[in-house]
Amino acid sequence: MIIAVDGPSAAGKGTVARAIAKQLGYHFLDTGTLYRMVGLAMLKAGKSGDDEASATAFAKALDPSLVREEELRSENVAAMASKVAAMPAVRQALLDYQRQFAKRQPGAVLDGRDIGTVVCPDADLKLFVTASTEVRAGRRFEELKALGQKVHYESVLEDVMARDERDASRATAPTRPADDAILIDTSDLTREEVLAAVMDLIAEYKKG
């Protein structure tokens, strides 16, 4: 079974996708991490955000086992990831990796921006997890503070809005719900409430 979980940044899709995978005993892939890894490689190499040739080369040579999770959480990496994610050649380079991962047994849960529309259009269940811009900025702000970073809510809000604009307007695989995706707004829901609702949907699907 393949479960696609899409949505904008800081909507909670990664949290719910990871929890689904744990409950079902499925494999989990945060596809946004792949783009963050490319973004990190670009920053380490001193490359500019419009250098598609370098970004594509890094994407093709990507080895997730060589990257530490804590290196990927900064706003600089997130901003660069958003830029390289808009590059068609980078997306194509990472597409095969994601599709092969989705075939893992007994099942896989992938979260990202275009899983249900591009990566796995034939996914068994497609979810689009979202929340208001202000709520998402607040969550991101608290996450960065918890990491010890000095940030201001207003700048985080501006960054979330800018990232939304880039993700929604890019020519290749823009962020949008698949036509058959189930929309879940997490603005006023706890993590537990979201997971319970999703597990009910999965149970209904498995009943046929």
C-alpha atoms as a PDB file:
ATOM      1  CA  MET A   1       0.000   0.000   0.000  1.00  0.00           C
ATOM      2  CA  ILE A   2       1.249   3.484  -0.872  1.00  0.00           C
ATOM      3  CA  ILE A   3       0.024   6.471   1.130  1.00  0.00           C
ATOM      4  CA  ALA A   4       0.789   9.952  -0.231  1.00  0.00           C
ATOM      5  CA  VAL A   5       0.767  12.856   2.221  1.00  0.00           C
ATOM      6  CA  ASP A   6       1.120  16.270   0.600  1.00  0.00           C
ATOM      7  CA  GLY A   7       0.763  19.842   1.824  1.00  0.00           C
ATOM      8  CA  PRO A   8       2.542  23.144   2.403  1.00  0.00           C
ATOM      9  CA  SER A   9       5.396  23.669   4.862  1.00  0.00           C
ATOM     10  CA  ALA A  10       4.710  23.381   8.615  1.00  0.00           C
ATOM     11  CA  ALA A  11       1.191  22.018   8.092  1.00  0.00           C
ATOM     12  CA  GLY A  12       2.003  18.925  10.136  1.00  0.00           C
ATOM     13  CA  LYS A  13       2.158  16.492   7.228  1.00  0.00           C
ATOM     14  CA  GLY A  14       5.538  15.093   8.249  1.00  0.00           C
ATOM     15  CA  THR A  15       4.373  14.448  11.796  1.00  0.00           C
ATOM     16  CA  VAL A  16       1.221  12.643  10.714  1.00  0.00           C
ATOM     17  CA  ALA A  17       2.974  10.737   7.899  1.00  0.00           C
ATOM     18  CA  ARG A  18       5.652   9.471  10.280  1.00  0.00           C
ATOM     19  CA  ALA A  19       2.996   8.446  12.813  1.00  0.00           C
ATOM     20  CA  ILE A  20       0.983   6.593  10.139  1.00  0.00           C
ATOM     21  CA  ALA A  21       4.078   4.658   9.071  1.00  0.00           C
ATOM     22  CA  LYS A  22       4.872   3.731  12.659  1.00  0.00           C
ATOM     23  CA  GLN A  23       1.343   2.514  13.370  1.00  0.00           C
ATOM     24  CA  LEU A  24       1.174   0.422  10.207  1.00  0.00           C
ATOM     25  CA  GLY A  25       4.769  -0.797  10.224  1.00  0.00           C
ATOM     26  CA  TYR A  26       5.372   0.859   6.840  1.00  0.00           C
ATOM     27  CA  HIS A  27       8.483   2.557   5.476  1.00  0.00           C
ATOM     28  CA  PHE A  28       8.535   6.370   5.736  1.00  0.00           C
ATOM     29  CA  LEU A  29      10.157   8.954   3.474  1.00  0.00           C
ATOM     30  CA  ASP A  30      10.149  12.701   4.039  1.00  0.00           C
ATOM     31  CA  THR A  31      10.799  13.732   0.443  1.00  0.00           C
ATOM     32  CA  GLY A  32      11.381  17.335   1.480  1.00  0.00           C
ATOM     33  CA  THR A  33      14.505  16.110   3.246  1.00  0.00           C
ATOM     34  CA  LEU A  34      15.942  15.088  -0.117  1.00  0.00           C
ATOM     35  CA  TYR A  35      15.636  18.664  -1.368  1.00  0.00           C
ATOM     36  CA  ARG A  36      17.089  19.962   1.899  1.00  0.00           C
ATOM     37  CA  MET A  37      20.070  17.680   1.357  1.00  0.00           C
ATOM     38  CA  VAL A  38      20.604  19.166  -2.082  1.00  0.00           C
ATOM     39  CA  GLY A  39      20.191  22.648  -0.621  1.00  0.00           C
ATOM     40  CA  LEU A  40      22.727  21.870   2.095  1.00  0.00           C
ATOM     41  CA  ALA A  41      25.202  20.611  -0.499  1.00  0.00           C
ATOM     42  CA  MET A  42      24.738  23.820  -2.473  1.00  0.00           C
ATOM     43  CA  LEU A  43      25.403  25.979   0.586  1.00  0.00           C
ATOM     44  CA  LYS A  44      28.474  23.982   1.598  1.00  0.00           C
ATOM     45  CA  ALA A  45      29.855  24.346  -1.919  1.00  0.00           C
ATOM     46  CA  GLY A  46      29.129  28.087  -1.975  1.00  0.00           C
ATOM     47  CA  LYS A  47      26.782  27.774  -4.961  1.00  0.00           C
ATOM     48  CA  SER A  48      24.063  30.308  -5.782  1.00  0.00           C
ATOM     49  CA  GLY A  49      20.372  29.439  -5.659  1.00  0.00           C
ATOM     50  CA  ASP A  50      19.977  29.715  -9.428  1.00  0.00           C
ATOM     51  CA  ASP A  51      22.800  27.307 -10.337  1.00  0.00           C
ATOM     52  CA  GLU A  52      20.683  24.484 -11.738  1.00  0.00           C
ATOM     53  CA  ALA A  53      23.619  22.539 -13.151  1.00  0.00           C
ATOM     54  CA  SER A  54      25.289  22.239  -9.742  1.00  0.00           C
ATOM     55  CA  ALA A  55      22.017  21.460  -7.968  1.00  0.00           C
ATOM     56  CA  THR A  56      21.238  18.703 -10.471  1.00  0.00           C
ATOM     57  CA  ALA A  57      24.694  17.190 -10.065  1.00  0.00           C
ATOM     58  CA  PHE A  58      24.260  17.136  -6.282  1.00  0.00           C
ATOM     59  CA  ALA A  59      20.799  15.559  -6.654  1.00  0.00           C
ATOM     60  CA  LYS A  60      22.122  12.782  -8.892  1.00  0.00           C
ATOM     61  CA  ALA A  61      24.967  12.020  -6.475  1.00  0.00           C
ATOM     62  CA  LEU A  62      22.802  12.207  -3.340  1.00  0.00           C
ATOM     63  CA  ASP A  63      23.574   9.743  -0.543  1.00  0.00           C
ATOM     64  CA  PRO A  64      21.160  10.308   2.375  1.00  0.00           C
ATOM     65  CA  SER A  65      23.278   8.149   4.695  1.00  0.00           C
ATOM     66  CA  LEU A  66      26.034  10.790   4.634  1.00  0.00           C
ATOM     67  CA  VAL A  67      23.866  13.648   5.939  1.00  0.00           C
ATOM     68  CA  ARG A  68      23.114  14.350   9.597  1.00  0.00           C
ATOM     69  CA  GLU A  69      19.510  15.298  10.404  1.00  0.00           C
ATOM     70  CA  GLU A  70      20.499  18.297  12.520  1.00  0.00           C
ATOM     71  CA  GLU A  71      22.279  19.868   9.551  1.00  0.00           C
ATOM     72  CA  LEU A  72      18.995  20.181   7.655  1.00  0.00           C
ATOM     73  CA  ARG A  73      16.886  22.187  10.105  1.00  0.00           C
ATOM     74  CA  SER A  74      18.160  25.742   9.549  1.00  0.00           C
ATOM     75  CA  GLU A  75      16.196  28.403   7.702  1.00  0.00           C
ATOM     76  CA  ASN A  76      19.092  28.890   5.252  1.00  0.00           C
ATOM     77  CA  VAL A  77      18.891  25.247   4.216  1.00  0.00           C
ATOM     78  CA  ALA A  78      15.090  25.426   3.978  1.00  0.00           C
ATOM     79  CA  ALA A  79      15.254  28.517   1.771  1.00  0.00           C
ATOM     80  CA  MET A  80      17.824  26.950  -0.550  1.00  0.00           C
ATOM     81  CA  ALA A  81      15.810  23.721  -0.659  1.00  0.00           C
ATOM     82  CA  SER A  82      12.769  25.668  -1.833  1.00  0.00           C
ATOM     83  CA  LYS A  83      14.832  27.207  -4.639  1.00  0.00           C
ATOM     84  CA  VAL A  84      16.351  23.966  -5.905  1.00  0.00           C
ATOM     85  CA  ALA A  85      12.959  22.229  -5.616  1.00  0.00           C
ATOM     86  CA  ALA A  86      11.667  24.585  -8.313  1.00  0.00           C
ATOM     87  CA  MET A  87      14.267  23.283 -10.770  1.00  0.00           C
ATOM     88  CA  PRO A  88      12.837  20.669 -13.194  1.00  0.00           C
ATOM     89  CA  ALA A  89      16.142  18.834 -13.592  1.00  0.00           C
ATOM     90  CA  VAL A  90      16.557  18.462  -9.824  1.00  0.00           C
ATOM     91  CA  ARG A  91      13.023  17.119  -9.426  1.00  0.00           C
ATOM     92  CA  GLN A  92      13.607  14.643 -12.229  1.00  0.00           C
ATOM     93  CA  ALA A  93      16.882  13.488 -10.689  1.00  0.00           C
ATOM     94  CA  LEU A  94      15.144  12.677  -7.394  1.00  0.00           C
ATOM     95  CA  LEU A  95      12.025  11.151  -8.942  1.00  0.00           C
ATOM     96  CA  ASP A  96      13.378   7.630  -9.465  1.00  0.00           C
ATOM     97  CA  TYR A  97      14.657   7.434  -5.879  1.00  0.00           C
ATOM     98  CA  GLN A  98      11.232   8.347  -4.524  1.00  0.00           C
ATOM     99  CA  ARG A  99       9.343   5.951  -6.787  1.00  0.00           C
ATOM    100  CA  GLN A 100      11.634   3.060  -5.912  1.00  0.00           C
ATOM    101  CA  PHE A 101      11.171   3.821  -2.219  1.00  0.00           C
ATOM    102  CA  ALA A 102       7.386   3.752  -2.655  1.00  0.00           C
ATOM    103  CA  LYS A 103       7.588   0.122  -3.798  1.00  0.00           C
ATOM    104  CA  ARG A 104       8.983  -1.093  -0.479  1.00  0.00           C
ATOM    105  CA  GLN A 105       6.980  -3.770   1.277  1.00  0.00           C
ATOM    106  CA  PRO A 106       4.728  -4.117   3.191  1.00  0.00           C
ATOM    107  CA  GLY A 107       3.940  -0.488   2.340  1.00  0.00           C
ATOM    108  CA  ALA A 108       5.272   3.053   2.244  1.00  0.00           C
ATOM    109  CA  VAL A 109       4.202   6.487   3.411  1.00  0.00           C
ATOM    110  CA  LEU A 110       5.718   9.422   1.530  1.00  0.00           C
ATOM    111  CA  ASP A 111       5.223  13.037   2.460  1.00  0.00           C
ATOM    112  CA  GLY A 112       6.027  16.051   0.322  1.00  0.00           C
ATOM    113  CA  ARG A 113       4.525  18.569  -2.071  1.00  0.00           C
ATOM    114  CA  ASP A 114       3.814  16.472  -5.187  1.00  0.00           C
ATOM    115  CA  ILE A 115       3.551  12.853  -4.082  1.00  0.00           C
ATOM    116  CA  GLY A 116      -0.078  12.389  -5.068  1.00  0.00           C
ATOM    117  CA  THR A 117       0.181  14.448  -8.253  1.00  0.00           C
ATOM    118  CA  VAL A 118       3.587  13.492  -9.703  1.00  0.00           C
ATOM    119  CA  VAL A 119       5.652  10.988  -7.719  1.00  0.00           C
ATOM    120  CA  CYS A 120       2.915   8.439  -6.976  1.00  0.00           C
ATOM    121  CA  PRO A 121      -0.229   9.432  -8.905  1.00  0.00           C
ATOM    122  CA  ASP A 122      -1.519   5.862  -8.414  1.00  0.00           C
ATOM    123  CA  ALA A 123      -1.096   5.927  -4.613  1.00  0.00           C
ATOM    124  CA  ASP A 124      -3.761   3.944  -2.788  1.00  0.00           C
ATOM    125  CA  LEU A 125      -4.627   6.830  -0.467  1.00  0.00           C
ATOM    126  CA  LYS A 126      -3.854  10.520  -0.990  1.00  0.00           C
ATOM    127  CA  LEU A 127      -4.016  13.102   1.786  1.00  0.00           C
ATOM    128  CA  PHE A 128      -3.466  16.852   1.523  1.00  0.00           C
ATOM    129  CA  VAL A 129      -2.628  18.239   4.962  1.00  0.00           C
ATOM    130  CA  THR A 130      -2.854  21.995   5.398  1.00  0.00           C
ATOM    131  CA  ALA A 131      -3.373  24.764   7.971  1.00  0.00           C
ATOM    132  CA  SER A 132      -3.672  28.538   7.967  1.00  0.00           C
ATOM    133  CA  THR A 133      -0.553  30.519   7.105  1.00  0.00           C
ATOM    134  CA  GLU A 134      -0.436  32.074  10.590  1.00  0.00           C
ATOM    135  CA  VAL A 135      -0.725  28.718  12.341  1.00  0.00           C
ATOM    136  CA  ARG A 136       2.004  27.219  10.176  1.00  0.00           C
ATOM    137  CA  ALA A 137       4.312  30.177  10.795  1.00  0.00           C
ATOM    138  CA  GLY A 138       3.696  29.851  14.529  1.00  0.00           C
ATOM    139  CA  ARG A 139       4.604  26.175  14.475  1.00  0.00           C
ATOM    140  CA  ARG A 140       7.752  26.838  12.490  1.00  0.00           C
ATOM    141  CA  PHE A 141       8.687  29.688  14.848  1.00  0.00           C
ATOM    142  CA  GLU A 142       8.369  27.415  17.896  1.00  0.00           C
ATOM    143  CA  GLU A 143      10.342  24.663  16.158  1.00  0.00           C
ATOM    144  CA  LEU A 144      13.234  27.011  15.411  1.00  0.00           C
ATOM    145  CA  LYS A 145      13.217  28.427  18.953  1.00  0.00           C
ATOM    146  CA  ALA A 146      13.374  24.887  20.321  1.00  0.00           C
ATOM    147  CA  LEU A 147      16.482  24.350  18.196  1.00  0.00           C
ATOM    148  CA  GLY A 148      18.069  27.341  19.886  1.00  0.00           C
ATOM    149  CA  GLN A 149      17.862  29.648  16.893  1.00  0.00           C
ATOM    150  CA  LYS A 150      17.183  33.365  17.372  1.00  0.00           C
ATOM    151  CA  VAL A 151      14.230  34.156  15.149  1.00  0.00           C
ATOM    152  CA  HIS A 152      11.353  36.644  14.951  1.00  0.00           C
ATOM    153  CA  TYR A 153       7.807  35.507  14.214  1.00  0.00           C
ATOM    154  CA  GLU A 154       7.354  38.186  11.526  1.00  0.00           C
ATOM    155  CA  SER A 155      10.397  36.999   9.565  1.00  0.00           C
ATOM    156  CA  VAL A 156       9.279  33.381   9.842  1.00  0.00           C
ATOM    157  CA  LEU A 157       5.809  34.359   8.597  1.00  0.00           C
ATOM    158  CA  GLU A 158       7.333  36.187   5.629  1.00  0.00           C
ATOM    159  CA  ASP A 159       9.493  33.149   4.847  1.00  0.00           C
ATOM    160  CA  VAL A 160       6.500  30.769   4.985  1.00  0.00           C
ATOM    161  CA  MET A 161       4.513  33.041   2.669  1.00  0.00           C
ATOM    162  CA  ALA A 162       7.424  33.341   0.222  1.00  0.00           C
ATOM    163  CA  ARG A 163       7.931  29.579   0.228  1.00  0.00           C
ATOM    164  CA  ASP A 164       4.220  29.011  -0.385  1.00  0.00           C
ATOM    165  CA  GLU A 165       4.375  31.340  -3.372  1.00  0.00           C
ATOM    166  CA  ARG A 166       7.421  29.565  -4.845  1.00  0.00           C
ATOM    167  CA  ASP A 167       5.947  26.113  -4.279  1.00  0.00           C
ATOM    168  CA  ALA A 168       2.526  26.966  -5.715  1.00  0.00           C
ATOM    169  CA  SER A 169       3.723  28.939  -8.731  1.00  0.00           C
ATOM    170  CA  ARG A 170       6.646  26.842  -9.978  1.00  0.00           C
ATOM    171  CA  ALA A 171       6.192  25.418 -13.458  1.00  0.00           C
ATOM    172  CA  THR A 172       7.189  21.891 -12.481  1.00  0.00           C
ATOM    173  CA  ALA A 173       5.094  19.975  -9.915  1.00  0.00           C
ATOM    174  CA  PRO A 174       3.488  22.915  -8.118  1.00  0.00           C
ATOM    175  CA  THR A 175       2.071  22.273  -4.646  1.00  0.00           C
ATOM    176  CA  ARG A 176      -1.612  21.444  -5.002  1.00  0.00           C
ATOM    177  CA  PRO A 177      -3.968  18.690  -3.891  1.00  0.00           C
ATOM    178  CA  ALA A 178      -4.481  15.781  -6.261  1.00  0.00           C
ATOM    179  CA  ASP A 179      -8.010  15.651  -7.645  1.00  0.00           C
ATOM    180  CA  ASP A 180      -8.726  12.579  -5.521  1.00  0.00           C
ATOM    181  CA  ALA A 181      -6.897  13.709  -2.376  1.00  0.00           C
ATOM    182  CA  ILE A 182      -8.658  14.021   0.964  1.00  0.00           C
ATOM    183  CA  LEU A 183      -8.166  17.488   2.468  1.00  0.00           C
ATOM    184  CA  ILE A 184      -7.262  17.676   6.174  1.00  0.00           C
ATOM    185  CA  ASP A 185      -7.031  21.095   7.863  1.00  0.00           C
ATOM    186  CA  THR A 186      -4.950  20.798  11.032  1.00  0.00           C
ATOM    187  CA  SER A 187      -5.317  24.442  12.150  1.00  0.00           C
ATOM    188  CA  ASP A 188      -7.547  23.589  15.125  1.00  0.00           C
ATOM    189  CA  LEU A 189      -6.626  19.938  15.635  1.00  0.00           C
ATOM    190  CA  THR A 190      -4.094  18.267  17.904  1.00  0.00           C
ATOM    191  CA  ARG A 191      -1.629  15.742  16.524  1.00  0.00           C
ATOM    192  CA  GLU A 192      -3.624  12.972  18.173  1.00  0.00           C
ATOM    193  CA  GLU A 193      -6.874  14.141  16.586  1.00  0.00           C
ATOM    194  CA  VAL A 194      -5.297  14.316  13.132  1.00  0.00           C
ATOM    195  CA  LEU A 195      -3.786  10.850  13.443  1.00  0.00           C
ATOM    196  CA  ALA A 196      -7.064   9.359  14.683  1.00  0.00           C
ATOM    197  CA  ALA A 197      -8.948  10.841  11.720  1.00  0.00           C
ATOM    198  CA  VAL A 198      -6.368   9.541   9.249  1.00  0.00           C
ATOM    199  CA  MET A 199      -6.290   6.048  10.747  1.00  0.00           C
ATOM    200  CA  ASP A 200     -10.089   5.931  10.410  1.00  0.00           C
ATOM    201  CA  LEU A 201      -9.712   6.808   6.714  1.00  0.00           C
ATOM    202  CA  ILE A 202      -7.120   4.054   6.242  1.00  0.00           C
ATOM    203  CA  ALA A 203      -9.359   1.529   8.009  1.00  0.00           C
ATOM    204  CA  GLU A 204     -12.236   2.475   5.709  1.00  0.00           C
ATOM    205  CA  TYR A 205      -9.999   2.108   2.661  1.00  0.00           C
ATOM    206  CA  LYS A 206      -8.817  -1.337   3.725  1.00  0.00           C
ATOM    207  CA  LYS A 207     -12.413  -2.478   4.152  1.00  0.00           C
ATOM    208  CA  GLY A 208     -12.790  -1.859   0.428  1.00  0.00           C
END
